[in-house]
C-alpha atoms as a PDB file:
ATOM      1  CA  MET A   1       0.000   0.000   0.000  1.00  0.00           C
ATOM      2  CA  ASN A   2       1.453   3.387  -1.007  1.00  0.00           C
ATOM      3  CA  LYS A   3       1.976   6.031   1.610  1.00  0.00           C
ATOM      4  CA  GLN A   4      -0.576   8.821   1.301  1.00  0.00           C
ATOM      5  CA  THR A   5       0.824  12.057  -0.080  1.00  0.00           C
ATOM      6  CA  PRO A   6       1.238  14.612   2.730  1.00  0.00           C
ATOM      7  CA  THR A   7      -0.724  17.825   2.555  1.00  0.00           C
ATOM      8  CA  LEU A   8       2.489  19.794   3.191  1.00  0.00           C
ATOM      9  CA  GLU A   9       6.116  18.781   2.701  1.00  0.00           C
ATOM     10  CA  LEU A  10       9.064  21.041   3.451  1.00  0.00           C
ATOM     11  CA  LYS A  11      12.397  19.711   2.171  1.00  0.00           C
ATOM     12  CA  ASN A  12      15.765  21.163   3.226  1.00  0.00           C
ATOM     13  CA  LEU A  13      14.140  24.561   3.600  1.00  0.00           C
ATOM     14  CA  ARG A  14      16.586  27.386   4.229  1.00  0.00           C
ATOM     15  CA  ARG A  15      16.148  31.124   4.670  1.00  0.00           C
ATOM     16  CA  SER A  16      18.875  33.646   5.295  1.00  0.00           C
ATOM     17  CA  PHE A  17      18.968  37.436   5.467  1.00  0.00           C
ATOM     18  CA  LYS A  18      21.714  39.997   5.007  1.00  0.00           C
ATOM     19  CA  GLN A  19      22.123  42.124   8.122  1.00  0.00           C
ATOM     20  CA  GLY A  20      24.909  44.631   8.705  1.00  0.00           C
ATOM     21  CA  GLY A  21      27.145  43.010   6.144  1.00  0.00           C
ATOM     22  CA  GLN A  22      26.642  39.572   7.689  1.00  0.00           C
ATOM     23  CA  THR A  23      24.403  36.663   6.728  1.00  0.00           C
ATOM     24  CA  LEU A  24      21.808  35.688   9.310  1.00  0.00           C
ATOM     25  CA  GLU A  25      20.571  32.110   8.874  1.00  0.00           C
ATOM     26  CA  VAL A  26      17.041  31.841  10.253  1.00  0.00           C
ATOM     27  CA  LEU A  27      16.044  28.481   8.761  1.00  0.00           C
ATOM     28  CA  ARG A  28      18.907  26.027   8.319  1.00  0.00           C
ATOM     29  CA  GLY A  29      17.431  22.971   6.639  1.00  0.00           C
ATOM     30  CA  ILE A  30      13.809  22.455   7.696  1.00  0.00           C
ATOM     31  CA  GLU A  31      12.338  18.983   7.099  1.00  0.00           C
ATOM     32  CA  LEU A  32       8.638  18.678   7.880  1.00  0.00           C
ATOM     33  CA  ASP A  33       5.681  16.639   6.603  1.00  0.00           C
ATOM     34  CA  ILE A  34       2.069  17.173   7.652  1.00  0.00           C
ATOM     35  CA  ALA A  35      -0.345  14.372   6.877  1.00  0.00           C
ATOM     36  CA  LYS A  36      -3.884  14.832   5.660  1.00  0.00           C
ATOM     37  CA  GLY A  37      -6.117  15.690   8.594  1.00  0.00           C
ATOM     38  CA  GLU A  38      -3.181  16.211  10.956  1.00  0.00           C
ATOM     39  CA  VAL A  39      -2.963  19.232  13.273  1.00  0.00           C
ATOM     40  CA  VAL A  40       0.622  20.117  14.166  1.00  0.00           C
ATOM     41  CA  ALA A  41       1.767  22.646  16.775  1.00  0.00           C
ATOM     42  CA  LEU A  42       4.866  24.677  15.965  1.00  0.00           C
ATOM     43  CA  ILE A  43       6.621  25.910  19.092  1.00  0.00           C
ATOM     44  CA  GLY A  44       9.869  27.737  19.734  1.00  0.00           C
ATOM     45  CA  PRO A  45      11.238  30.910  21.318  1.00  0.00           C
ATOM     46  CA  SER A  46      10.406  34.365  20.021  1.00  0.00           C
ATOM     47  CA  GLY A  47      12.652  35.184  17.070  1.00  0.00           C
ATOM     48  CA  ALA A  48      13.244  31.544  16.187  1.00  0.00           C
ATOM     49  CA  GLY A  49      11.652  32.005  12.758  1.00  0.00           C
ATOM     50  CA  LYS A  50       8.184  30.518  13.218  1.00  0.00           C
ATOM     51  CA  SER A  51       6.480  33.345  11.312  1.00  0.00           C
ATOM     52  CA  THR A  52       9.081  33.146   8.550  1.00  0.00           C
ATOM     53  CA  LEU A  53       8.472  29.416   8.242  1.00  0.00           C
ATOM     54  CA  LEU A  54       4.708  29.941   7.976  1.00  0.00           C
ATOM     55  CA  GLN A  55       5.154  32.705   5.404  1.00  0.00           C
ATOM     56  CA  ILE A  56       7.272  30.393   3.246  1.00  0.00           C
ATOM     57  CA  ALA A  57       4.941  27.418   3.686  1.00  0.00           C
ATOM     58  CA  GLY A  58       2.080  29.711   2.653  1.00  0.00           C
ATOM     59  CA  LEU A  59       3.883  30.805  -0.538  1.00  0.00           C
ATOM     60  CA  LEU A  60       4.034  34.388   0.666  1.00  0.00           C
ATOM     61  CA  GLU A  61       7.831  34.394   0.782  1.00  0.00           C
ATOM     62  CA  GLN A  62      10.492  32.531  -1.179  1.00  0.00           C
ATOM     63  CA  PRO A  63      13.034  30.345   0.624  1.00  0.00           C
ATOM     64  CA  SER A  64      16.743  30.857   0.003  1.00  0.00           C
ATOM     65  CA  LYS A  65      16.959  27.146  -0.734  1.00  0.00           C
ATOM     66  CA  GLY A  66      14.815  24.043  -0.477  1.00  0.00           C
ATOM     67  CA  GLU A  67      11.390  22.980  -1.658  1.00  0.00           C
ATOM     68  CA  ILE A  68       7.729  23.243  -0.682  1.00  0.00           C
ATOM     69  CA  TYR A  69       5.257  20.594  -1.839  1.00  0.00           C
ATOM     70  CA  LEU A  70       1.507  21.090  -1.471  1.00  0.00           C
ATOM     71  CA  ASP A  71      -0.350  17.824  -1.975  1.00  0.00           C
ATOM     72  CA  GLY A  72       2.670  16.590  -3.931  1.00  0.00           C
ATOM     73  CA  LEU A  73       2.867  19.674  -6.148  1.00  0.00           C
ATOM     74  CA  LYS A  74       6.381  21.183  -6.319  1.00  0.00           C
ATOM     75  CA  CYS A  75       5.996  24.907  -5.794  1.00  0.00           C
ATOM     76  CA  SER A  76       9.439  26.402  -6.505  1.00  0.00           C
ATOM     77  CA  LYS A  77       8.937  26.876 -10.234  1.00  0.00           C
ATOM     78  CA  LEU A  78       5.367  28.100 -10.144  1.00  0.00           C
ATOM     79  CA  SER A  79       4.458  31.458 -11.669  1.00  0.00           C
ATOM     80  CA  ASP A  80       3.206  34.282  -9.459  1.00  0.00           C
ATOM     81  CA  ALA A  81      -0.292  33.693 -10.822  1.00  0.00           C
ATOM     82  CA  MET A  82      -0.174  30.001  -9.865  1.00  0.00           C
ATOM     83  CA  ARG A  83       1.120  30.811  -6.381  1.00  0.00           C
ATOM     84  CA  THR A  84      -1.706  33.302  -5.925  1.00  0.00           C
ATOM     85  CA  SER A  85      -4.220  30.702  -7.092  1.00  0.00           C
ATOM     86  CA  LEU A  86      -2.878  28.126  -4.640  1.00  0.00           C
ATOM     87  CA  ARG A  87      -3.032  30.601  -1.754  1.00  0.00           C
ATOM     88  CA  ARG A  88      -6.646  31.370  -2.634  1.00  0.00           C
ATOM     89  CA  ASP A  89      -7.896  27.829  -3.197  1.00  0.00           C
ATOM     90  CA  TYR A  90      -5.619  25.557  -1.143  1.00  0.00           C
ATOM     91  CA  LEU A  91      -4.497  27.584   1.867  1.00  0.00           C
ATOM     92  CA  GLY A  92      -6.182  29.348   4.743  1.00  0.00           C
ATOM     93  CA  PHE A  93      -4.398  31.876   6.968  1.00  0.00           C
ATOM     94  CA  VAL A  94      -5.137  32.999  10.529  1.00  0.00           C
ATOM     95  CA  TYR A  95      -2.926  35.567  12.243  1.00  0.00           C
ATOM     96  CA  GLN A  96      -2.607  36.903  15.775  1.00  0.00           C
ATOM     97  CA  TYR A  97      -4.225  40.141  14.625  1.00  0.00           C
ATOM     98  CA  HIS A  98      -7.458  39.605  12.750  1.00  0.00           C
ATOM     99  CA  ASN A  99      -6.876  42.184   9.950  1.00  0.00           C
ATOM    100  CA  LEU A 100     -10.588  42.508   9.251  1.00  0.00           C
ATOM    101  CA  LEU A 101     -11.878  45.182   6.885  1.00  0.00           C
ATOM    102  CA  PRO A 102     -13.288  47.872   9.215  1.00  0.00           C
ATOM    103  CA  ASP A 103     -15.980  49.172   6.859  1.00  0.00           C
ATOM    104  CA  PHE A 104     -17.579  45.757   6.281  1.00  0.00           C
ATOM    105  CA  ASP A 105     -19.691  43.700   8.648  1.00  0.00           C
ATOM    106  CA  ALA A 106     -18.843  40.163   9.778  1.00  0.00           C
ATOM    107  CA  VAL A 107     -20.659  38.450   6.911  1.00  0.00           C
ATOM    108  CA  GLU A 108     -19.115  40.727   4.294  1.00  0.00           C
ATOM    109  CA  ASN A 109     -15.615  40.108   5.676  1.00  0.00           C
ATOM    110  CA  VAL A 110     -16.094  36.347   5.358  1.00  0.00           C
ATOM    111  CA  MET A 111     -17.692  36.698   1.927  1.00  0.00           C
ATOM    112  CA  MET A 112     -14.681  38.543   0.519  1.00  0.00           C
ATOM    113  CA  PRO A 113     -12.436  35.537  -0.325  1.00  0.00           C
ATOM    114  CA  LEU A 114     -15.438  33.710  -1.778  1.00  0.00           C
ATOM    115  CA  LEU A 115     -16.280  36.622  -4.078  1.00  0.00           C
ATOM    116  CA  ILE A 116     -12.633  36.889  -5.147  1.00  0.00           C
ATOM    117  CA  ALA A 117     -12.758  33.180  -6.007  1.00  0.00           C
ATOM    118  CA  GLY A 118     -15.760  33.787  -8.260  1.00  0.00           C
ATOM    119  CA  VAL A 119     -18.550  32.449  -6.049  1.00  0.00           C
ATOM    120  CA  ASN A 120     -21.853  34.185  -6.736  1.00  0.00           C
ATOM    121  CA  PRO A 121     -22.891  36.666  -4.018  1.00  0.00           C
ATOM    122  CA  LYS A 122     -25.943  34.720  -2.813  1.00  0.00           C
ATOM    123  CA  ALA A 123     -23.991  31.486  -2.325  1.00  0.00           C
ATOM    124  CA  ALA A 124     -21.101  33.413  -0.764  1.00  0.00           C
ATOM    125  CA  ARG A 125     -23.423  35.055   1.757  1.00  0.00           C
ATOM    126  CA  GLU A 126     -25.074  31.728   2.644  1.00  0.00           C
ATOM    127  CA  LYS A 127     -21.721  30.062   3.268  1.00  0.00           C
ATOM    128  CA  ALA A 128     -20.396  33.025   5.262  1.00  0.00           C
ATOM    129  CA  GLU A 129     -23.464  33.059   7.488  1.00  0.00           C
ATOM    130  CA  LYS A 130     -23.241  29.300   8.029  1.00  0.00           C
ATOM    131  CA  LEU A 131     -19.587  29.518   9.097  1.00  0.00           C
ATOM    132  CA  LEU A 132     -20.223  32.430  11.439  1.00  0.00           C
ATOM    133  CA  LYS A 133     -23.190  30.687  13.042  1.00  0.00           C
ATOM    134  CA  ARG A 134     -21.031  27.569  13.496  1.00  0.00           C
ATOM    135  CA  LEU A 135     -18.594  29.782  15.397  1.00  0.00           C
ATOM    136  CA  GLY A 136     -21.293  31.176  17.650  1.00  0.00           C
ATOM    137  CA  LEU A 137     -21.763  34.512  15.898  1.00  0.00           C
ATOM    138  CA  GLY A 138     -25.311  34.070  14.646  1.00  0.00           C
ATOM    139  CA  LYS A 139     -26.436  37.249  16.424  1.00  0.00           C
ATOM    140  CA  ARG A 140     -23.435  39.299  15.281  1.00  0.00           C
ATOM    141  CA  LEU A 141     -23.612  38.861  11.512  1.00  0.00           C
ATOM    142  CA  LYS A 142     -24.298  42.521  10.779  1.00  0.00           C
ATOM    143  CA  HIS A 143     -21.774  43.930  13.234  1.00  0.00           C
ATOM    144  CA  ARG A 144     -18.620  45.641  12.013  1.00  0.00           C
ATOM    145  CA  PRO A 145     -15.247  44.778  13.612  1.00  0.00           C
ATOM    146  CA  ALA A 146     -15.297  47.808  15.942  1.00  0.00           C
ATOM    147  CA  GLU A 147     -18.579  46.513  17.384  1.00  0.00           C
ATOM    148  CA  LEU A 148     -17.143  43.055  18.144  1.00  0.00           C
ATOM    149  CA  SER A 149     -14.996  41.856  21.028  1.00  0.00           C
ATOM    150  CA  GLY A 150     -11.475  40.562  20.408  1.00  0.00           C
ATOM    151  CA  GLY A 151     -12.645  36.963  20.564  1.00  0.00           C
ATOM    152  CA  GLU A 152     -15.507  37.667  18.185  1.00  0.00           C
ATOM    153  CA  GLN A 153     -13.183  39.389  15.739  1.00  0.00           C
ATOM    154  CA  GLN A 154     -10.866  36.387  15.756  1.00  0.00           C
ATOM    155  CA  ARG A 155     -13.805  34.058  15.131  1.00  0.00           C
ATOM    156  CA  VAL A 156     -14.654  36.143  12.062  1.00  0.00           C
ATOM    157  CA  ALA A 157     -11.031  35.858  10.941  1.00  0.00           C
ATOM    158  CA  ILE A 158     -11.180  32.070  11.354  1.00  0.00           C
ATOM    159  CA  ALA A 159     -14.407  31.897   9.348  1.00  0.00           C
ATOM    160  CA  ARG A 160     -12.769  33.982   6.615  1.00  0.00           C
ATOM    161  CA  ALA A 161      -9.760  31.619   6.543  1.00  0.00           C
ATOM    162  CA  LEU A 162     -12.077  28.630   6.137  1.00  0.00           C
ATOM    163  CA  ALA A 163     -14.409  30.234   3.600  1.00  0.00           C
ATOM    164  CA  ASN A 164     -12.850  28.691   0.484  1.00  0.00           C
ATOM    165  CA  THR A 165     -12.603  25.233   2.096  1.00  0.00           C
ATOM    166  CA  PRO A 166      -8.790  25.093   2.096  1.00  0.00           C
ATOM    167  CA  LYS A 167      -6.857  21.857   2.516  1.00  0.00           C
ATOM    168  CA  LEU A 168      -4.199  23.415   4.736  1.00  0.00           C
ATOM    169  CA  LEU A 169      -4.659  25.982   7.488  1.00  0.00           C
ATOM    170  CA  LEU A 170      -1.632  28.025   8.586  1.00  0.00           C
ATOM    171  CA  ALA A 171      -2.149  29.847  11.872  1.00  0.00           C
ATOM    172  CA  ASP A 172       0.382  32.222  13.454  1.00  0.00           C
ATOM    173  CA  GLU A 173      -0.386  32.706  17.162  1.00  0.00           C
ATOM    174  CA  PRO A 174      -4.136  32.675  16.405  1.00  0.00           C
ATOM    175  CA  THR A 175      -5.086  33.257  20.052  1.00  0.00           C
ATOM    176  CA  GLY A 176      -2.005  35.194  21.152  1.00  0.00           C
ATOM    177  CA  ASN A 177      -3.888  38.494  21.428  1.00  0.00           C
ATOM    178  CA  LEU A 178      -6.723  37.108  23.559  1.00  0.00           C
ATOM    179  CA  ASP A 179      -7.182  36.581  27.279  1.00  0.00           C
ATOM    180  CA  PRO A 180      -6.683  32.947  28.422  1.00  0.00           C
ATOM    181  CA  LYS A 181     -10.380  32.058  28.756  1.00  0.00           C
ATOM    182  CA  THR A 182     -11.306  33.521  25.378  1.00  0.00           C
ATOM    183  CA  ALA A 183      -8.204  31.969  23.782  1.00  0.00           C
ATOM    184  CA  GLU A 184      -9.211  28.526  25.014  1.00  0.00           C
ATOM    185  CA  SER A 185     -12.742  28.912  23.677  1.00  0.00           C
ATOM    186  CA  VAL A 186     -11.667  30.228  20.262  1.00  0.00           C
ATOM    187  CA  PHE A 187      -9.006  27.544  19.925  1.00  0.00           C
ATOM    188  CA  ALA A 188     -11.459  24.772  20.807  1.00  0.00           C
ATOM    189  CA  GLU A 189     -13.838  25.973  18.100  1.00  0.00           C
ATOM    190  CA  LEU A 190     -11.011  26.215  15.572  1.00  0.00           C
ATOM    191  CA  ILE A 191      -9.776  22.680  16.251  1.00  0.00           C
ATOM    192  CA  ALA A 192     -13.328  21.281  16.194  1.00  0.00           C
ATOM    193  CA  ILE A 193     -13.946  22.697  12.712  1.00  0.00           C
ATOM    194  CA  VAL A 194     -10.528  21.556  11.478  1.00  0.00           C
ATOM    195  CA  LYS A 195     -11.247  18.021  12.643  1.00  0.00           C
ATOM    196  CA  GLU A 196     -14.794  18.006  11.262  1.00  0.00           C
ATOM    197  CA  THR A 197     -13.638  19.085   7.813  1.00  0.00           C
ATOM    198  CA  GLY A 198     -10.505  16.920   7.636  1.00  0.00           C
ATOM    199  CA  LEU A 199      -8.205  19.901   7.212  1.00  0.00           C
ATOM    200  CA  SER A 200      -4.492  19.750   7.883  1.00  0.00           C
ATOM    201  CA  ALA A 201      -3.118  22.553  10.034  1.00  0.00           C
ATOM    202  CA  LEU A 202       0.196  24.007  11.183  1.00  0.00           C
ATOM    203  CA  VAL A 203      -0.313  26.256  14.201  1.00  0.00           C
ATOM    204  CA  ALA A 204       2.462  28.389  15.678  1.00  0.00           C
ATOM    205  CA  THR A 205       1.877  29.009  19.370  1.00  0.00           C
ATOM    206  CA  HIS A 206       3.583  29.900  22.636  1.00  0.00           C
ATOM    207  CA  ASN A 207       0.712  28.374  24.608  1.00  0.00           C
ATOM    208  CA  MET A 208       1.810  25.019  26.020  1.00  0.00           C
ATOM    209  CA  GLU A 209      -1.716  23.964  26.949  1.00  0.00           C
ATOM    210  CA  LEU A 210      -2.971  24.581  23.408  1.00  0.00           C
ATOM    211  CA  ALA A 211       0.044  22.830  21.880  1.00  0.00           C
ATOM    212  CA  GLN A 212      -0.650  19.717  23.942  1.00  0.00           C
ATOM    213  CA  GLN A 213      -4.133  19.432  22.431  1.00  0.00           C
ATOM    214  CA  MET A 214      -2.809  18.994  18.896  1.00  0.00           C
ATOM    215  CA  ASP A 215      -1.868  15.727  17.174  1.00  0.00           C
ATOM    216  CA  ARG A 216       1.848  16.411  17.156  1.00  0.00           C
ATOM    217  CA  VAL A 217       4.258  19.058  18.378  1.00  0.00           C
ATOM    218  CA  VAL A 218       7.397  20.179  16.558  1.00  0.00           C
ATOM    219  CA  GLU A 219       9.955  22.638  17.885  1.00  0.00           C
ATOM    220  CA  LEU A 220      11.837  25.191  15.804  1.00  0.00           C
ATOM    221  CA  LYS A 221      15.215  25.557  17.463  1.00  0.00           C
ATOM    222  CA  ASP A 222      18.492  26.879  16.053  1.00  0.00           C
ATOM    223  CA  GLY A 223      16.974  26.963  12.590  1.00  0.00           C
ATOM    224  CA  ILE A 224      15.893  23.317  12.430  1.00  0.00           C
ATOM    225  CA  ILE A 225      12.808  21.321  13.339  1.00  0.00           C
ATOM    226  CA  GLU A 226      12.851  18.804  16.167  1.00  0.00           C
ATOM    227  CA  GLU A 227       9.997  16.494  17.088  1.00  0.00           C
ATOM    228  CA  ALA A 228       8.710  17.464  20.512  1.00  0.00           C
ATOM    229  CA  GLY A 229       6.191  14.648  20.835  1.00  0.00           C
ATOM    230  CA  GLY A 230       2.418  14.317  20.713  1.00  0.00           C
ATOM    231  CA  ARG A 231      -0.271  15.217  23.199  1.00  0.00           C
ATOM    232  CA  GLY A 232       1.155  15.635  26.688  1.00  0.00           C
ATOM    233  CA  ARG A 233       4.770  15.221  25.572  1.00  0.00           C
ATOM    234  CA  VAL A 234       5.811  18.788  24.818  1.00  0.00           C
ATOM    235  CA  SER A 235       9.304  19.875  25.773  1.00  0.00           C
ATOM    236  CA  LYS A 236       9.215  22.093  28.854  1.00  0.00           C
ATOM    237  CA  ASN A 237      12.312  24.007  27.811  1.00  0.00           C
ATOM    238  CA  PHE A 238      11.375  25.552  24.476  1.00  0.00           C
ATOM    239  CA  TYR A 239      11.339  29.160  25.751  1.00  0.00           C
END
């Protein structure tokens, strides 16, 4: 029986920057596979390069060396148009700060990626409302971001990330800007939807308790990835 193609494969991924006449190596040969339906926590100290790794995995930034495969597709030689298409149709992004459009209500914010993808407005609105109701925002559909709490805004951002039914969700500290109780609630809803839909996910977090709830934990340390275990087996020394 053939091994199932991973949703995401990173092969010998390297990223360096020029700084003050010197070369700073942030990623020094990343090797990482994420299976279909697998939720992986990415931990590591601040400045270790977690955001850079997510940006590269999400085709928003080019590596200095190495390869990204999405569902077996080699991405290094793709045109800008193809990379944009993959980001729209294959990937979902959630950030620490929600980045919602302030002049649009919750439904309209979630509709936006659907409309860009060519979905007709009626179907886009129906799907947006369904996602927001699933996330407990049925009574807040017409509210603009300024009228929503931080947790509600992040739920809208999650719904927006899931709108085009991506295969891979990339989340960079998705609850890092929320109080602990709200963070736990938002994270639980995010993981529930990911599991229900069979998504794969790579979630960068500093929250040990959240990391322990995921299928697997990997640690970015000194520019490489180390396995940190599964549920309940997270290194206590990653800070």
